[in-house]
Protein backbone atom coordinates (compact mmCIF):
# COMPACT_ATOMS: atom_id res chain seq x y z
CA UNK A 1 125.31 111.27 94.71
CA UNK A 2 124.71 110.99 98.53
CA UNK A 3 121.84 112.73 100.52
CA UNK A 4 123.06 115.84 102.30
CA UNK A 5 121.07 114.53 105.22
CA UNK A 6 122.66 111.18 105.53
CA UNK A 7 126.14 112.49 104.46
CA UNK A 8 126.07 115.00 107.33
CA UNK A 9 124.96 112.39 109.85
CA UNK A 10 127.81 110.25 108.90
CA UNK A 11 130.36 112.92 109.09
CA UNK A 12 129.22 113.75 112.57
CA UNK A 13 129.50 110.06 113.52
CA UNK A 14 132.17 108.39 111.41
CA UNK A 15 132.77 104.61 112.07
CA UNK A 16 136.27 103.48 112.70
CA UNK A 17 137.27 101.59 109.34
CA UNK A 18 140.77 101.06 110.30
CA UNK A 19 140.87 97.47 109.34
CA UNK A 20 141.71 95.32 106.31
CA UNK A 21 138.83 94.13 104.42
CA UNK A 22 138.86 90.34 104.22
CA UNK A 23 137.84 88.49 101.03
CA UNK A 24 135.17 86.34 102.72
CA UNK A 25 134.57 83.97 99.92
CA UNK A 26 138.29 82.93 99.95
CA UNK A 27 138.47 82.19 103.94
CA UNK A 28 138.76 78.60 104.96
CA UNK A 29 139.28 79.29 108.78
CA UNK A 30 137.30 81.89 110.61
CA UNK A 31 139.80 84.77 111.45
CA UNK A 32 139.94 85.98 114.99
CA UNK A 33 138.54 89.53 113.65
CA UNK A 34 135.24 87.73 113.11
CA UNK A 35 135.12 85.26 115.90
CA UNK A 36 132.51 86.29 118.29
CA UNK A 37 132.02 85.66 122.09
CA UNK A 38 128.40 85.41 122.37
CA UNK A 39 128.38 85.50 126.18
CA UNK A 40 129.39 89.27 126.11
CA UNK A 41 125.84 90.01 124.73
CA UNK A 42 122.90 88.35 126.31
CA UNK A 43 120.79 89.25 122.91
CA UNK A 44 123.57 87.55 121.10
CA UNK A 45 123.91 84.60 123.32
CA UNK A 46 123.51 82.10 120.45
CA UNK A 47 123.95 83.07 116.73
CA UNK A 48 121.37 80.64 116.00
CA UNK A 49 118.61 81.53 118.53
CA UNK A 50 115.46 79.51 119.01
CA UNK A 51 115.47 77.74 115.67
CA UNK A 52 112.67 75.54 116.80
CA UNK A 53 110.20 78.51 117.37
CA UNK A 54 106.91 77.68 115.60
CA UNK A 55 105.48 81.21 115.82
CA UNK A 56 105.50 82.70 112.41
CA UNK A 57 105.65 86.34 111.36
CA UNK A 58 102.28 87.82 110.34
CA UNK A 59 101.66 87.62 106.41
CA UNK A 60 99.40 90.58 105.39
CA UNK A 61 97.76 90.91 102.11
CA UNK A 62 98.03 94.74 101.30
CA UNK A 63 94.67 94.37 99.21
CA UNK A 64 92.83 92.95 102.04
CA UNK A 65 89.91 94.90 103.14
CA UNK A 66 91.09 94.68 106.72
CA UNK A 67 94.80 95.42 105.69
CA UNK A 68 94.90 98.49 108.06
CA UNK A 69 93.81 96.81 111.12
CA UNK A 70 95.91 93.81 110.44
CA UNK A 71 98.86 95.88 110.12
CA UNK A 72 98.11 97.68 113.37
CA UNK A 73 98.07 94.34 115.14
CA UNK A 74 101.31 93.13 113.63
CA UNK A 75 102.82 96.49 114.62
CA UNK A 76 102.00 96.32 118.16
CA UNK A 77 102.67 92.52 118.68
CA UNK A 78 105.64 92.21 116.48
CA UNK A 79 107.00 95.26 114.72
CA UNK A 80 107.57 93.14 111.70
CA UNK A 81 105.35 91.56 109.22
CA UNK A 82 105.56 90.00 105.59
CA UNK A 83 103.44 92.17 102.73
CA UNK A 84 102.10 90.35 99.81
CA UNK A 85 100.20 91.98 96.92
CA UNK A 86 102.57 94.98 97.41
CA UNK A 87 102.53 95.74 93.59
CA UNK A 88 106.51 95.60 93.18
CA UNK A 89 106.88 93.48 90.07
CA UNK A 90 108.72 90.23 90.72
CA UNK A 91 110.76 90.46 87.61
CA UNK A 92 112.20 93.72 89.21
CA UNK A 93 112.98 92.26 92.33
CA UNK A 94 114.68 89.34 90.70
CA UNK A 95 116.67 91.78 88.43
CA UNK A 96 117.84 93.75 91.62
CA UNK A 97 119.05 90.25 93.22
CA UNK A 98 120.86 89.52 90.12
CA UNK A 99 122.41 92.89 90.01
CA UNK A 100 123.45 92.27 93.93
CA UNK A 101 125.08 89.00 93.01
CA UNK A 102 126.87 90.42 90.16
CA UNK A 103 128.24 93.14 92.37
CA UNK A 104 129.43 91.12 95.01
CA UNK A 105 131.00 88.40 92.81
CA UNK A 106 133.40 90.98 91.51
CA UNK A 107 136.89 90.47 92.47
CA UNK A 108 137.90 92.40 95.61
CA UNK A 109 140.19 94.78 93.85
CA UNK A 110 137.38 95.91 91.92
CA UNK A 111 134.85 96.47 94.82
CA UNK A 112 137.44 98.31 96.50
CA UNK A 113 137.38 100.84 93.77
CA UNK A 114 134.19 102.13 95.53
CA UNK A 115 135.05 101.51 99.12
CA UNK A 116 133.19 103.79 101.43
CA UNK A 117 135.07 106.36 103.55
CA UNK A 118 134.80 106.79 107.27
CA UNK A 119 132.44 109.97 106.87
CA UNK A 120 130.31 108.52 104.03
CA UNK A 121 127.35 106.09 103.90
CA UNK A 122 127.72 105.26 100.24
CA UNK A 123 129.77 102.54 98.69
CA UNK A 124 131.39 99.03 99.46
CA UNK A 125 132.58 97.75 102.72
CA UNK A 126 132.27 95.48 105.52
CA UNK A 127 128.85 96.01 107.52
CA UNK A 128 129.56 97.99 110.63
CA UNK A 129 126.16 99.03 112.29
CA UNK A 130 127.99 100.50 115.28
CA UNK A 131 131.39 101.03 116.67
CA UNK A 132 130.23 99.43 119.75
CA UNK A 133 130.92 95.88 118.32
CA UNK A 134 134.85 95.12 118.33
CA UNK A 135 134.28 92.21 116.12
CA UNK A 136 133.54 92.32 112.42
CA UNK A 137 130.44 90.62 110.96
CA UNK A 138 130.47 87.91 108.27
CA UNK A 139 128.95 90.01 105.54
CA UNK A 140 129.76 92.56 103.08
CA UNK A 141 127.55 95.68 102.06
CA UNK A 142 126.89 97.99 99.39
CA UNK A 143 125.13 101.29 100.16
CA UNK A 144 123.45 103.37 97.45
CA UNK A 145 121.98 106.79 98.45
CA UNK A 146 120.39 108.53 95.75
CA UNK A 147 121.72 107.72 92.16
CA UNK A 148 124.14 104.75 91.92
CA UNK A 149 125.72 106.33 88.90
CA UNK A 150 128.98 107.55 90.37
CA UNK A 151 129.88 104.07 91.80
CA UNK A 152 128.61 101.96 89.14
CA UNK A 153 130.65 103.79 86.42
CA UNK A 154 133.66 102.87 88.45
CA UNK A 155 132.74 99.25 88.76
CA UNK A 156 131.76 98.74 85.06
CA UNK A 157 133.20 101.59 83.11
CA UNK A 158 131.52 100.46 79.85
CA UNK A 159 128.46 98.62 81.10
CA UNK A 160 126.91 100.59 84.09
CA UNK A 161 123.72 101.70 82.45
CA UNK A 162 121.74 98.29 83.23
CA UNK A 163 122.71 98.40 86.89
CA UNK A 164 121.76 102.14 87.27
CA UNK A 165 118.51 101.51 85.60
CA UNK A 166 117.47 98.62 87.39
CA UNK A 167 118.49 100.33 90.93
CA UNK A 168 116.62 103.47 90.08
CA UNK A 169 113.55 101.73 89.17
CA UNK A 170 113.61 99.76 92.28
CA UNK A 171 114.03 102.75 94.42
CA UNK A 172 111.01 104.19 92.82
CA UNK A 173 108.97 101.36 93.47
CA UNK A 174 110.12 101.12 97.01
CA UNK A 175 109.37 104.81 97.63
CA UNK A 176 105.86 104.25 96.33
CA UNK A 177 105.39 101.01 98.60
CA UNK A 178 106.92 102.98 101.62
CA UNK A 179 104.21 105.85 101.10
CA UNK A 180 101.35 103.08 100.89
CA UNK A 181 102.66 101.51 103.98
CA UNK A 182 102.75 104.86 105.79
CA UNK A 183 99.37 105.61 105.03
CA UNK A 184 98.04 102.21 106.34
CA UNK A 185 100.22 102.32 109.51
CA UNK A 186 99.00 105.91 110.11
CA UNK A 187 95.40 104.87 109.50
CA UNK A 188 95.70 101.80 111.90
CA UNK A 189 96.78 104.57 114.59
CA UNK A 190 93.53 106.72 113.67
CA UNK A 191 95.86 109.39 111.88
CA UNK A 192 95.72 110.29 108.18
CA UNK A 193 98.43 111.33 105.71
CA UNK A 194 96.61 114.87 105.85
CA UNK A 195 97.46 115.05 109.59
CA UNK A 196 101.07 114.53 108.98
CA UNK A 197 101.92 116.63 106.08
CA UNK A 198 105.63 115.43 105.34
CA UNK A 199 104.33 112.14 104.90
CA UNK A 200 101.99 113.04 102.02
CA UNK A 201 104.15 115.24 100.17
CA UNK A 202 104.21 114.25 96.50
CA UNK A 203 107.65 115.80 95.74
CA UNK A 204 110.68 114.03 97.46
CA UNK A 205 112.78 116.50 99.25
CA UNK A 206 116.22 116.82 97.76
CA UNK A 207 117.75 116.09 101.18
CA UNK A 208 115.78 112.90 101.41
CA UNK A 209 117.29 110.66 98.70
CA UNK A 210 116.28 107.02 98.55
CA UNK A 211 118.75 104.74 100.47
CA UNK A 212 119.16 101.13 99.38
CA UNK A 213 121.40 98.65 101.17
CA UNK A 214 122.67 95.36 99.60
CA UNK A 215 123.93 92.80 102.04
CA UNK A 216 125.89 89.77 100.96
CA UNK A 217 126.42 86.82 103.55
CA UNK A 218 128.89 84.18 102.10
CA UNK A 219 129.12 80.62 103.23
CA UNK A 220 131.01 80.59 106.61
CA UNK A 221 133.48 77.99 107.82
CA UNK A 222 132.17 78.30 111.31
CA UNK A 223 128.82 79.83 111.38
CA UNK A 224 128.21 78.95 115.12
CA UNK A 225 130.99 81.38 116.02
CA UNK A 226 130.22 84.05 113.45
CA UNK A 227 127.54 86.83 113.15
CA UNK A 228 126.04 87.93 109.87
CA UNK A 229 124.57 91.18 111.35
CA UNK A 230 124.54 91.79 115.07
CA UNK A 231 121.47 92.52 117.19
CA UNK A 232 120.12 95.90 116.61
CA UNK A 233 117.09 98.20 116.07
CA UNK A 234 116.75 100.35 112.94
CA UNK A 235 117.04 104.01 113.21
CA UNK A 236 114.45 104.68 110.40
CA UNK A 237 110.67 104.87 110.12
CA UNK A 238 110.57 101.66 108.35
CA UNK A 239 112.74 99.21 106.32
CA UNK A 240 111.47 97.17 103.22
CA UNK A 241 113.50 94.05 103.09
CA UNK A 242 113.85 91.40 100.39
CA UNK A 243 115.68 88.31 101.30
CA UNK A 244 116.90 85.54 99.05
CA UNK A 245 115.60 81.92 99.63
CA UNK A 246 118.24 81.32 102.20
CA UNK A 247 117.02 81.85 105.91
CA UNK A 248 119.09 84.12 107.90
CA UNK A 249 116.97 87.10 109.50
CA UNK A 250 115.72 86.84 113.07
CA UNK A 251 113.55 88.96 115.38
CA UNK A 252 113.45 89.00 119.14
CA UNK A 253 110.35 89.14 121.20
CA UNK A 254 110.56 89.97 124.83
CA UNK A 255 107.44 87.82 125.95
CA UNK A 256 109.67 84.81 126.41
CA UNK A 257 109.23 83.88 122.80
CA UNK A 258 112.86 84.69 122.10
CA UNK A 259 114.46 84.61 118.60
CA UNK A 260 112.16 83.96 115.70
CA UNK A 261 113.33 83.22 112.27
CA UNK A 262 111.80 85.24 109.48
CA UNK A 263 111.61 82.47 106.80
CA UNK A 264 111.62 83.66 103.27
CA UNK A 265 107.92 83.67 101.90
CA UNK A 266 107.24 83.60 98.25
CA UNK A 267 106.49 86.88 96.87
CA UNK A 268 106.43 88.76 100.13
CA UNK A 269 108.53 91.62 101.22
CA UNK A 270 109.68 91.93 104.92
CA UNK A 271 108.54 95.22 106.61
CA UNK A 272 110.71 96.24 109.67
CA UNK A 273 109.50 99.10 111.85
CA UNK A 274 112.39 101.38 113.04
CA UNK A 275 112.97 103.54 116.13
CA UNK A 276 111.46 106.49 114.54
CA UNK A 277 108.02 104.81 113.86
CA UNK A 278 108.19 103.69 117.77
CA UNK A 279 108.57 107.36 118.66
CA UNK A 280 105.75 108.50 116.16
CA UNK A 281 103.34 105.83 117.70
CA UNK A 282 104.20 107.07 121.17
CA UNK A 283 105.65 103.47 122.19
CA UNK A 284 102.75 101.61 120.99
CA UNK A 285 104.31 100.15 117.78
CA UNK A 286 107.42 97.85 118.29
CA UNK A 287 110.86 98.55 116.90
CA UNK A 288 112.00 94.92 116.73
CA UNK A 289 115.46 93.84 117.75
CA UNK A 290 116.80 91.84 114.84
CA UNK A 291 119.99 90.15 113.61
CA UNK A 292 121.19 87.86 110.76
CA UNK A 293 123.04 84.42 111.11
CA UNK A 294 125.16 82.81 108.34
CA UNK A 295 125.21 79.34 106.82
CA UNK A 296 128.07 76.97 106.23
CA UNK A 297 127.19 76.11 102.60
CA UNK A 298 124.46 78.64 101.44
CA UNK A 299 125.07 82.33 100.29
CA UNK A 300 122.33 84.79 101.35
CA UNK A 301 121.45 88.15 99.91
CA UNK A 302 119.25 90.96 100.94
CA UNK A 303 118.08 94.23 99.78
CA UNK A 304 116.88 96.70 102.32
CA UNK A 305 115.28 100.00 101.46
CA UNK A 306 115.70 102.45 104.34
CA UNK A 307 112.77 105.00 104.72
CA UNK A 308 112.95 108.07 106.98
CA UNK A 309 111.81 111.55 107.16
CA UNK A 310 112.98 114.86 105.74
CA UNK A 311 115.90 116.53 107.42
CA UNK A 312 113.96 119.56 108.71
CA UNK A 313 111.34 117.45 110.57
CA UNK A 314 111.39 116.92 114.32
CA UNK A 315 110.09 113.38 114.74
CA UNK A 316 107.92 113.11 118.04
CA UNK A 317 104.78 111.31 119.28
CA UNK A 318 101.73 112.24 116.95
CA UNK A 319 99.53 114.89 118.64
CA UNK A 320 96.55 112.66 117.78
CA UNK A 321 97.99 109.93 120.31
CA UNK A 322 98.78 112.21 123.18
CA UNK A 323 96.35 113.49 125.92
CA UNK A 324 96.26 113.87 129.50
CA UNK A 325 96.17 110.12 130.07
CA UNK A 326 98.85 109.33 127.59
CA UNK A 327 101.49 111.82 127.74
CA UNK A 328 104.49 112.04 125.08
CA UNK A 329 107.06 109.43 125.79
CA UNK A 330 109.96 110.98 123.83
CA UNK A 331 111.04 114.51 122.95
CA UNK A 332 111.41 115.76 119.40
CA UNK A 333 114.58 115.06 117.44
CA UNK A 334 115.39 115.18 113.72
CA UNK A 335 116.55 111.98 112.03
CA UNK A 336 120.01 113.36 111.71
CA UNK A 337 120.13 114.09 115.33
CA UNK A 338 118.66 110.76 116.34
CA UNK A 339 121.37 108.93 114.25
CA UNK A 340 124.11 111.02 116.21
CA UNK A 341 122.44 109.75 119.47
CA UNK A 342 122.34 106.19 118.06
CA UNK A 343 125.91 106.38 117.24
CA UNK A 344 126.86 107.44 120.88
CA UNK A 345 124.40 105.37 122.88
CA UNK A 346 123.59 102.71 120.57
CA UNK A 347 120.79 100.34 122.18
CA UNK A 348 120.12 103.12 124.88
CA UNK A 349 119.51 105.87 122.35
CA UNK A 350 115.74 105.82 122.92
CA UNK A 351 116.25 106.12 126.71
CA UNK A 352 118.31 109.16 126.27
CA UNK A 353 115.41 111.07 124.64
CA UNK A 354 112.63 109.34 126.83
CA UNK A 355 110.56 112.03 128.78
CA UNK A 356 109.68 111.56 132.55
CA UNK A 357 106.64 113.32 133.73
CA UNK A 358 104.23 113.08 136.51
CA UNK A 359 101.76 110.73 134.62
CA UNK A 360 104.45 107.96 134.42
CA UNK A 361 105.66 105.60 136.61
CA UNK A 362 109.03 106.68 137.69
CA UNK A 363 110.39 103.12 138.21
CA UNK A 364 109.78 102.50 134.55
CA UNK A 365 113.44 102.35 132.93
CA UNK A 366 112.37 100.97 129.54
CA UNK A 367 113.68 97.55 130.81
CA UNK A 368 110.48 95.55 129.59
CA UNK A 369 110.81 96.61 126.04
CA UNK A 370 113.62 96.18 124.04
CA UNK A 371 114.76 99.61 122.48
């Protein structure tokens, strides 16, 4: 069952899925449909980026007495960090990874039984983060919004309970962790959950079903001309990502650092801030541009939990962060509305809702930050 919020958003911004899904595991020569010309986009100028960059993503122990302050620094300087001591059982993470491997190893004709439709977020298909990209990415995805029962029953008619139980338990753990992270992030901004009522709500609104994205990046015959995931920022508040032991995720920093590879760290989950957290923090927390490259010989799997607000909430800079000297940078917008704006304007989405006022430099066009 899909979340009405996300389903409505996708009906309003359907992706063009008029293409034949290629079985990437059987391809020996990179098809033209997947061959990227990186010169067309300066942020995708090299699919490998700065592989020698020695700067590492912050690793934060959530049990550290200074976790709140450390998270604040990571959010301001990176917009991404590794979280350890997150209380998500390792055996559960391993089980979800095995469930993903089991799913993606199915024959193509079985996976197509749950192929997503143009106006739906749920189901199997190639990863298309935006219709702005004419080329396909070297990856396949399976999106679960709410319960996985409907799709799992089609994939494994007589053996779907284990998959459902594993995914639902993982979604529950991710929801708890997202709430914990929100408390720490708001605290680092000098705000409490009591100040933002919808964050501290104990009951999950029906319209905000948990969303989990499983991504598979098979070995690629020509990884230097393919893209696992094109450069983008997330439209969520935050994402919680587990990646298998194969490197692939990179984040971009605009301070001449360039692309930095987020190396897998044992026992850690990667926390990526989205556009909505950038808005909530009134621009002080980064929403990092990130992408994924692919490998000649190794398969990579990632699991991403997408955390956003209830459909009725208009996201805007937190009142506690706004005053005469720090005016609001963005107008209010619901998550669904913002998804529609992102679909239309993609990397210019934040610019379209940015406010101009007398306290701001009128020459500021967001060119310094990567939104």
